[in-house]
Structure formats: structure tokens, C-alpha cells
Amino acid sequence: MPIPPLIALGLISVIGIVGLLPVKPTPPPSIVRQRTVQFLDQANGSIQVRDAGSRRTIIVIPATDEGFGRALIHALEVMRRRYRQPLDTPYQLQRLDDGRLVLNDPLSPMHLDLESFGTSNEAIFSGYLGERPAS
């Protein structure tokens, strides 16, 4: 059923007025825990997930793994190749005080809220942060 023009105009006016009302900004969440990680391709097809600060290996994802972690890391690499960015530049993996786990690329505005991929997939990256994966 079509909306009469006068009602539509009234709705647009109300939306416009509400849009002009002051909004109290909320402070950005604080970082509770952070790790700088690198995803490094190995000659045998595996991916080394490494702490960029200590240069210690967190985990090696086998070449035969077809899971979420490997797929996301591959997608990140494709983006960097496309924009001709260095593949070995570390990412920032952060746990925020609101509970979210995010992955940030310092070479782009990319900011991934890992929870949006589901809790089991988020748990993979929480392991990279040094947290125990959710059960």
C-alpha cells in the first residue's frame, strides 16, 4: 500500500529533526590485551603465525588446513598484494574492554571485528593472542 505524499513528507521531517539532535559521543573502547602478529608463508605451503615482537612462533598452520584462520590470512595477503603492500608487515590483534577481538592492518583502514565471523572462528584468533580458545 503506497504511503500518501503528506505522510511521507512528515516522516522525512521527523527523521531530519531527530538527525539534528545532539548525540552524546561514547568513548572508544580501551585495549585490554594486544599482540603484534605476522603471517608468514613457508616454502612447504604452511603459514607461520609469529609474534612480531619476540619473533617466536605462535602456531604453524599446515598447508593441508582448509579452516577459517588460513582462509582469512590468505584473504589478507591477497589484499596486500593487490595494493602492493609488504606482506610481512605485522597486524595488530587486540582484545577490547567491551570483549571484542579485532584485527587491524596498519597499512590500511581495515579493522576486522572477529566476532562477526562466529565465536568458533573468533576463538582461533584468540589463541593467537595467547588466550585459551573458548570451549
N, C-alpha and C. Protein backbone atom coordinates (compact mmCIF):
# COMPACT_ATOMS: atom_id res chain seq x y z
N MET A 1 0.85 -1.18 0.00
CA MET A 1 0.00 0.00 0.00
C MET A 1 0.89 1.24 0.00
N PRO A 2 0.75 2.13 -0.98
CA PRO A 2 1.61 3.31 -1.06
C PRO A 2 1.35 4.28 0.08
N ILE A 3 2.41 4.97 0.50
CA ILE A 3 2.29 5.97 1.56
C ILE A 3 1.88 7.29 0.92
N PRO A 4 0.80 7.91 1.42
CA PRO A 4 0.39 9.21 0.88
C PRO A 4 1.53 10.23 0.99
N PRO A 5 1.66 11.11 0.01
CA PRO A 5 2.77 12.07 0.00
C PRO A 5 2.89 12.91 1.26
N LEU A 6 1.77 13.33 1.85
CA LEU A 6 1.83 14.17 3.04
C LEU A 6 2.42 13.41 4.23
N ILE A 7 2.06 12.13 4.37
CA ILE A 7 2.60 11.30 5.46
C ILE A 7 4.10 11.08 5.23
N ALA A 8 4.48 10.80 4.00
CA ALA A 8 5.90 10.59 3.68
C ALA A 8 6.71 11.84 4.00
N LEU A 9 6.17 13.02 3.65
CA LEU A 9 6.85 14.27 3.94
C LEU A 9 6.99 14.47 5.44
N GLY A 10 5.97 14.12 6.20
CA GLY A 10 6.02 14.22 7.67
C GLY A 10 7.07 13.30 8.26
N LEU A 11 7.17 12.06 7.74
CA LEU A 11 8.19 11.12 8.22
C LEU A 11 9.59 11.63 7.93
N ILE A 12 9.78 12.16 6.74
CA ILE A 12 11.09 12.70 6.38
C ILE A 12 11.45 13.87 7.29
N SER A 13 10.47 14.71 7.62
CA SER A 13 10.72 15.86 8.51
C SER A 13 11.11 15.38 9.90
N VAL A 14 10.40 14.39 10.42
CA VAL A 14 10.72 13.86 11.76
C VAL A 14 12.12 13.25 11.76
N ILE A 15 12.44 12.48 10.74
CA ILE A 15 13.77 11.87 10.66
C ILE A 15 14.84 12.95 10.59
N GLY A 16 14.57 14.01 9.83
CA GLY A 16 15.53 15.12 9.74
C GLY A 16 15.73 15.81 11.06
N ILE A 17 14.67 16.04 11.82
CA ILE A 17 14.77 16.70 13.12
C ILE A 17 15.53 15.82 14.10
N VAL A 18 15.20 14.53 14.14
CA VAL A 18 15.89 13.61 15.03
C VAL A 18 17.37 13.56 14.69
N GLY A 19 17.68 13.62 13.41
CA GLY A 19 19.07 13.60 12.99
C GLY A 19 19.85 14.82 13.43
N LEU A 20 19.16 15.93 13.73
CA LEU A 20 19.84 17.16 14.16
C LEU A 20 20.03 17.23 15.66
N LEU A 21 19.38 16.34 16.42
CA LEU A 21 19.50 16.36 17.86
C LEU A 21 20.93 15.98 18.27
N PRO A 22 21.44 16.63 19.32
CA PRO A 22 22.81 16.30 19.74
C PRO A 22 22.88 14.86 20.27
N VAL A 23 23.95 14.21 19.92
CA VAL A 23 24.17 12.83 20.36
C VAL A 23 25.40 12.83 21.25
N LYS A 24 25.26 12.24 22.43
CA LYS A 24 26.38 12.17 23.35
C LYS A 24 27.35 11.10 22.82
N PRO A 25 28.57 11.51 22.47
CA PRO A 25 29.52 10.53 21.94
C PRO A 25 29.95 9.55 23.03
N THR A 26 30.10 8.31 22.63
CA THR A 26 30.60 7.31 23.57
C THR A 26 32.10 7.17 23.36
N PRO A 27 32.83 7.01 24.43
CA PRO A 27 34.28 6.89 24.28
C PRO A 27 34.62 5.57 23.58
N PRO A 28 35.69 5.58 22.80
CA PRO A 28 36.09 4.34 22.13
C PRO A 28 36.53 3.31 23.17
N PRO A 29 36.37 2.03 22.87
CA PRO A 29 36.78 1.02 23.83
C PRO A 29 38.31 1.03 24.02
N SER A 30 38.72 0.62 25.21
CA SER A 30 40.15 0.55 25.51
C SER A 30 40.69 -0.82 25.15
N ILE A 31 41.98 -0.86 24.86
CA ILE A 31 42.65 -2.12 24.56
C ILE A 31 43.06 -2.77 25.88
N VAL A 32 42.60 -4.00 26.09
CA VAL A 32 42.91 -4.75 27.30
C VAL A 32 44.16 -5.59 27.09
N ARG A 33 44.27 -6.17 25.91
CA ARG A 33 45.40 -7.03 25.58
C ARG A 33 45.69 -6.86 24.09
N GLN A 34 46.97 -6.89 23.74
CA GLN A 34 47.35 -6.68 22.35
C GLN A 34 48.57 -7.53 22.00
N ARG A 35 48.59 -7.98 20.77
CA ARG A 35 49.76 -8.70 20.26
C ARG A 35 49.95 -8.30 18.80
N THR A 36 51.19 -8.06 18.43
CA THR A 36 51.52 -7.75 17.06
C THR A 36 51.92 -9.06 16.40
N VAL A 37 51.18 -9.45 15.36
CA VAL A 37 51.39 -10.76 14.74
C VAL A 37 51.74 -10.63 13.27
N GLN A 38 52.55 -11.59 12.80
CA GLN A 38 52.88 -11.70 11.39
C GLN A 38 52.38 -13.04 10.88
N PHE A 39 51.96 -13.06 9.64
CA PHE A 39 51.54 -14.28 8.97
C PHE A 39 52.53 -14.51 7.83
N LEU A 40 53.37 -15.52 7.99
CA LEU A 40 54.46 -15.73 7.04
C LEU A 40 54.30 -17.04 6.29
N ASP A 41 54.25 -16.96 4.96
CA ASP A 41 54.18 -18.16 4.13
C ASP A 41 55.50 -18.90 4.21
N GLN A 42 55.43 -20.22 4.30
CA GLN A 42 56.61 -21.07 4.36
C GLN A 42 56.76 -21.81 3.03
N ALA A 43 57.95 -22.28 2.75
CA ALA A 43 58.24 -22.96 1.48
C ALA A 43 57.38 -24.21 1.27
N ASN A 44 57.00 -24.86 2.37
CA ASN A 44 56.21 -26.09 2.25
C ASN A 44 54.70 -25.83 2.16
N GLY A 45 54.31 -24.53 2.07
CA GLY A 45 52.89 -24.19 1.93
C GLY A 45 52.20 -23.89 3.25
N SER A 46 52.88 -24.12 4.36
CA SER A 46 52.28 -23.81 5.66
C SER A 46 52.38 -22.31 5.92
N ILE A 47 51.69 -21.85 6.96
CA ILE A 47 51.74 -20.45 7.36
C ILE A 47 52.22 -20.39 8.80
N GLN A 48 53.29 -19.63 9.03
CA GLN A 48 53.79 -19.42 10.37
C GLN A 48 53.11 -18.18 10.94
N VAL A 49 52.44 -18.34 12.08
CA VAL A 49 51.87 -17.20 12.80
C VAL A 49 52.89 -16.87 13.88
N ARG A 50 53.46 -15.65 13.81
CA ARG A 50 54.58 -15.30 14.67
C ARG A 50 54.31 -14.02 15.44
N ASP A 51 54.74 -13.99 16.69
CA ASP A 51 54.72 -12.77 17.50
C ASP A 51 55.81 -11.87 16.93
N ALA A 52 55.44 -10.72 16.42
CA ALA A 52 56.41 -9.85 15.75
C ALA A 52 57.41 -9.25 16.73
N GLY A 53 57.02 -9.08 17.98
CA GLY A 53 57.93 -8.50 18.97
C GLY A 53 59.02 -9.47 19.38
N SER A 54 58.63 -10.66 19.79
CA SER A 54 59.60 -11.66 20.27
C SER A 54 60.14 -12.53 19.14
N ARG A 55 59.47 -12.51 18.00
CA ARG A 55 59.80 -13.35 16.83
C ARG A 55 59.60 -14.84 17.12
N ARG A 56 58.82 -15.13 18.15
CA ARG A 56 58.53 -16.52 18.49
C ARG A 56 57.32 -17.00 17.70
N THR A 57 57.37 -18.26 17.31
CA THR A 57 56.25 -18.86 16.58
C THR A 57 55.10 -19.11 17.55
N ILE A 58 53.91 -18.66 17.16
CA ILE A 58 52.70 -18.90 17.94
C ILE A 58 52.12 -20.25 17.52
N ILE A 59 52.02 -20.44 16.21
CA ILE A 59 51.48 -21.68 15.65
C ILE A 59 51.90 -21.76 14.18
N VAL A 60 51.98 -22.97 13.67
CA VAL A 60 52.19 -23.17 12.24
C VAL A 60 50.93 -23.83 11.70
N ILE A 61 50.31 -23.18 10.74
CA ILE A 61 49.09 -23.72 10.12
C ILE A 61 49.53 -24.59 8.94
N PRO A 62 49.23 -25.88 8.99
CA PRO A 62 49.68 -26.77 7.92
C PRO A 62 49.10 -26.40 6.55
N ALA A 63 49.84 -26.76 5.52
CA ALA A 63 49.39 -26.50 4.15
C ALA A 63 48.08 -27.20 3.85
N THR A 64 47.81 -28.30 4.54
CA THR A 64 46.59 -29.08 4.29
C THR A 64 45.37 -28.53 5.02
N ASP A 65 45.57 -27.56 5.91
CA ASP A 65 44.46 -26.99 6.68
C ASP A 65 43.58 -26.15 5.75
N GLU A 66 42.30 -26.36 5.82
CA GLU A 66 41.36 -25.58 5.00
C GLU A 66 40.39 -24.78 5.85
N GLY A 67 40.81 -24.47 7.09
CA GLY A 67 39.94 -23.79 8.03
C GLY A 67 39.88 -22.29 7.87
N PHE A 68 39.12 -21.67 8.77
CA PHE A 68 38.87 -20.24 8.73
C PHE A 68 40.15 -19.42 8.86
N GLY A 69 41.02 -19.78 9.81
CA GLY A 69 42.23 -19.00 10.04
C GLY A 69 43.05 -18.87 8.78
N ARG A 70 43.29 -19.98 8.12
CA ARG A 70 44.08 -19.98 6.89
C ARG A 70 43.37 -19.17 5.80
N ALA A 71 42.06 -19.33 5.67
CA ALA A 71 41.30 -18.61 4.64
C ALA A 71 41.35 -17.10 4.85
N LEU A 72 41.20 -16.66 6.11
CA LEU A 72 41.24 -15.22 6.39
C LEU A 72 42.64 -14.67 6.14
N ILE A 73 43.66 -15.39 6.58
CA ILE A 73 45.03 -14.94 6.37
C ILE A 73 45.32 -14.83 4.87
N HIS A 74 44.85 -15.79 4.10
CA HIS A 74 45.03 -15.74 2.65
C HIS A 74 44.33 -14.51 2.06
N ALA A 75 43.13 -14.21 2.52
CA ALA A 75 42.39 -13.04 2.02
C ALA A 75 43.15 -11.74 2.35
N LEU A 76 43.75 -11.68 3.54
CA LEU A 76 44.53 -10.50 3.93
C LEU A 76 45.75 -10.34 3.02
N GLU A 77 46.38 -11.46 2.71
CA GLU A 77 47.54 -11.43 1.82
C GLU A 77 47.15 -10.97 0.42
N VAL A 78 46.02 -11.43 -0.07
CA VAL A 78 45.54 -11.02 -1.39
C VAL A 78 45.32 -9.50 -1.42
N MET A 79 44.73 -8.96 -0.35
CA MET A 79 44.51 -7.50 -0.28
C MET A 79 45.83 -6.75 -0.32
N ARG A 80 46.80 -7.23 0.44
CA ARG A 80 48.09 -6.54 0.47
C ARG A 80 48.79 -6.62 -0.89
N ARG A 81 48.70 -7.77 -1.53
CA ARG A 81 49.32 -7.90 -2.86
C ARG A 81 48.64 -6.95 -3.86
N ARG A 82 47.34 -6.87 -3.76
CA ARG A 82 46.58 -6.02 -4.68
C ARG A 82 47.00 -4.56 -4.56
N TYR A 83 47.26 -4.12 -3.33
CA TYR A 83 47.64 -2.73 -3.10
C TYR A 83 49.16 -2.55 -2.98
N ARG A 84 49.89 -3.60 -3.39
CA ARG A 84 51.36 -3.57 -3.40
C ARG A 84 51.95 -3.16 -2.05
N GLN A 85 51.45 -3.76 -1.01
CA GLN A 85 51.94 -3.52 0.34
C GLN A 85 52.81 -4.70 0.79
N PRO A 86 53.78 -4.47 1.67
CA PRO A 86 54.64 -5.55 2.14
C PRO A 86 53.83 -6.62 2.88
N LEU A 87 54.08 -7.87 2.56
CA LEU A 87 53.33 -8.97 3.15
C LEU A 87 53.75 -9.25 4.59
N ASP A 88 54.97 -8.88 4.95
CA ASP A 88 55.47 -9.24 6.28
C ASP A 88 55.22 -8.17 7.34
N THR A 89 54.58 -7.07 6.98
CA THR A 89 54.25 -6.05 7.99
C THR A 89 53.25 -6.64 8.97
N PRO A 90 53.53 -6.51 10.28
CA PRO A 90 52.65 -7.11 11.29
C PRO A 90 51.26 -6.47 11.36
N TYR A 91 50.33 -7.27 11.83
CA TYR A 91 48.96 -6.83 12.12
C TYR A 91 48.85 -6.65 13.63
N GLN A 92 47.85 -5.87 14.05
CA GLN A 92 47.57 -5.69 15.47
C GLN A 92 46.34 -6.52 15.83
N LEU A 93 46.52 -7.46 16.75
CA LEU A 93 45.42 -8.27 17.26
C LEU A 93 45.12 -7.74 18.66
N GLN A 94 43.88 -7.28 18.88
CA GLN A 94 43.55 -6.60 20.13
C GLN A 94 42.27 -7.12 20.75
N ARG A 95 42.32 -7.32 22.08
CA ARG A 95 41.12 -7.60 22.87
C ARG A 95 40.72 -6.27 23.50
N LEU A 96 39.48 -5.87 23.28
CA LEU A 96 38.99 -4.59 23.79
C LEU A 96 38.23 -4.79 25.09
N ASP A 97 38.06 -3.72 25.85
CA ASP A 97 37.40 -3.84 27.14
C ASP A 97 35.91 -4.16 27.04
N ASP A 98 35.35 -4.05 25.83
CA ASP A 98 33.95 -4.45 25.65
C ASP A 98 33.85 -5.93 25.24
N GLY A 99 35.00 -6.62 25.23
CA GLY A 99 35.01 -8.05 24.95
C GLY A 99 35.31 -8.42 23.51
N ARG A 100 35.27 -7.46 22.60
CA ARG A 100 35.51 -7.77 21.19
C ARG A 100 36.98 -8.06 20.92
N LEU A 101 37.22 -8.91 19.93
CA LEU A 101 38.56 -9.20 19.45
C LEU A 101 38.65 -8.65 18.04
N VAL A 102 39.62 -7.76 17.80
CA VAL A 102 39.72 -7.12 16.49
C VAL A 102 41.12 -7.33 15.91
N LEU A 103 41.17 -7.35 14.60
CA LEU A 103 42.42 -7.45 13.86
C LEU A 103 42.54 -6.20 13.00
N ASN A 104 43.61 -5.44 13.19
CA ASN A 104 43.82 -4.19 12.47
C ASN A 104 45.04 -4.32 11.56
N ASP A 105 44.92 -3.77 10.37
CA ASP A 105 46.03 -3.72 9.43
C ASP A 105 46.57 -2.29 9.44
N PRO A 106 47.81 -2.08 9.90
CA PRO A 106 48.34 -0.72 9.97
C PRO A 106 48.59 -0.09 8.59
N LEU A 107 48.55 -0.91 7.53
CA LEU A 107 48.79 -0.38 6.18
C LEU A 107 47.50 0.04 5.47
N SER A 108 46.37 -0.16 6.13
CA SER A 108 45.09 0.18 5.51
C SER A 108 44.10 0.53 6.62
N PRO A 109 42.92 1.00 6.24
CA PRO A 109 41.90 1.28 7.25
C PRO A 109 41.15 0.01 7.69
N MET A 110 41.64 -1.17 7.28
CA MET A 110 40.96 -2.41 7.61
C MET A 110 40.95 -2.66 9.12
N HIS A 111 39.78 -2.95 9.62
CA HIS A 111 39.55 -3.19 11.04
C HIS A 111 38.50 -4.31 11.11
N LEU A 112 38.94 -5.52 11.42
CA LEU A 112 38.01 -6.66 11.44
C LEU A 112 37.57 -6.99 12.85
N ASP A 113 36.27 -6.96 13.08
CA ASP A 113 35.71 -7.45 14.34
C ASP A 113 35.53 -8.95 14.16
N LEU A 114 36.41 -9.74 14.77
CA LEU A 114 36.44 -11.18 14.50
C LEU A 114 35.21 -11.92 15.01
N GLU A 115 34.49 -11.34 15.95
CA GLU A 115 33.26 -11.96 16.44
C GLU A 115 32.22 -12.08 15.33
N SER A 116 32.30 -11.17 14.35
CA SER A 116 31.32 -11.19 13.27
C SER A 116 31.45 -12.45 12.41
N PHE A 117 32.54 -13.18 12.55
CA PHE A 117 32.72 -14.43 11.81
C PHE A 117 32.27 -15.65 12.61
N GLY A 118 31.71 -15.42 13.81
CA GLY A 118 31.24 -16.51 14.66
C GLY A 118 32.23 -16.79 15.79
N THR A 119 31.71 -17.30 16.89
CA THR A 119 32.55 -17.49 18.08
C THR A 119 33.62 -18.55 17.89
N SER A 120 33.35 -19.61 17.14
CA SER A 120 34.38 -20.64 16.95
C SER A 120 35.52 -20.09 16.09
N ASN A 121 35.22 -19.24 15.12
CA ASN A 121 36.27 -18.64 14.30
C ASN A 121 37.03 -17.57 15.08
N GLU A 122 36.32 -16.83 15.91
CA GLU A 122 36.99 -15.84 16.78
C GLU A 122 37.95 -16.55 17.72
N ALA A 123 37.57 -17.73 18.21
CA ALA A 123 38.41 -18.49 19.15
C ALA A 123 39.76 -18.85 18.54
N ILE A 124 39.81 -19.07 17.24
CA ILE A 124 41.08 -19.37 16.57
C ILE A 124 42.05 -18.21 16.79
N PHE A 125 41.58 -16.98 16.57
CA PHE A 125 42.44 -15.82 16.71
C PHE A 125 42.68 -15.46 18.16
N SER A 126 41.78 -15.81 19.06
CA SER A 126 42.04 -15.56 20.48
C SER A 126 43.21 -16.43 20.94
N GLY A 127 43.37 -17.60 20.32
CA GLY A 127 44.53 -18.44 20.58
C GLY A 127 45.82 -17.75 20.14
N TYR A 128 45.79 -17.03 19.04
CA TYR A 128 46.96 -16.29 18.56
C TYR A 128 47.32 -15.17 19.53
N LEU A 129 46.33 -14.69 20.24
CA LEU A 129 46.55 -13.63 21.24
C LEU A 129 47.12 -14.20 22.52
N GLY A 130 47.08 -15.52 22.65
CA GLY A 130 47.59 -16.16 23.86
C GLY A 130 46.49 -16.48 24.85
N GLU A 131 45.25 -16.30 24.45
CA GLU A 131 44.12 -16.64 25.30
C GLU A 131 43.72 -18.09 25.02
N ARG A 132 43.09 -18.69 25.96
CA ARG A 132 42.59 -20.03 25.74
C ARG A 132 41.37 -19.94 24.84
N PRO A 133 41.32 -20.77 23.80
CA PRO A 133 40.14 -20.75 22.93
C PRO A 133 38.87 -21.04 23.73
N ALA A 134 37.80 -20.37 23.34
CA ALA A 134 36.52 -20.60 24.01
C ALA A 134 36.08 -22.04 23.80
N SER A 135 35.48 -22.63 24.85
CA SER A 135 35.04 -24.02 24.72
C SER A 135 33.56 -24.11 24.43
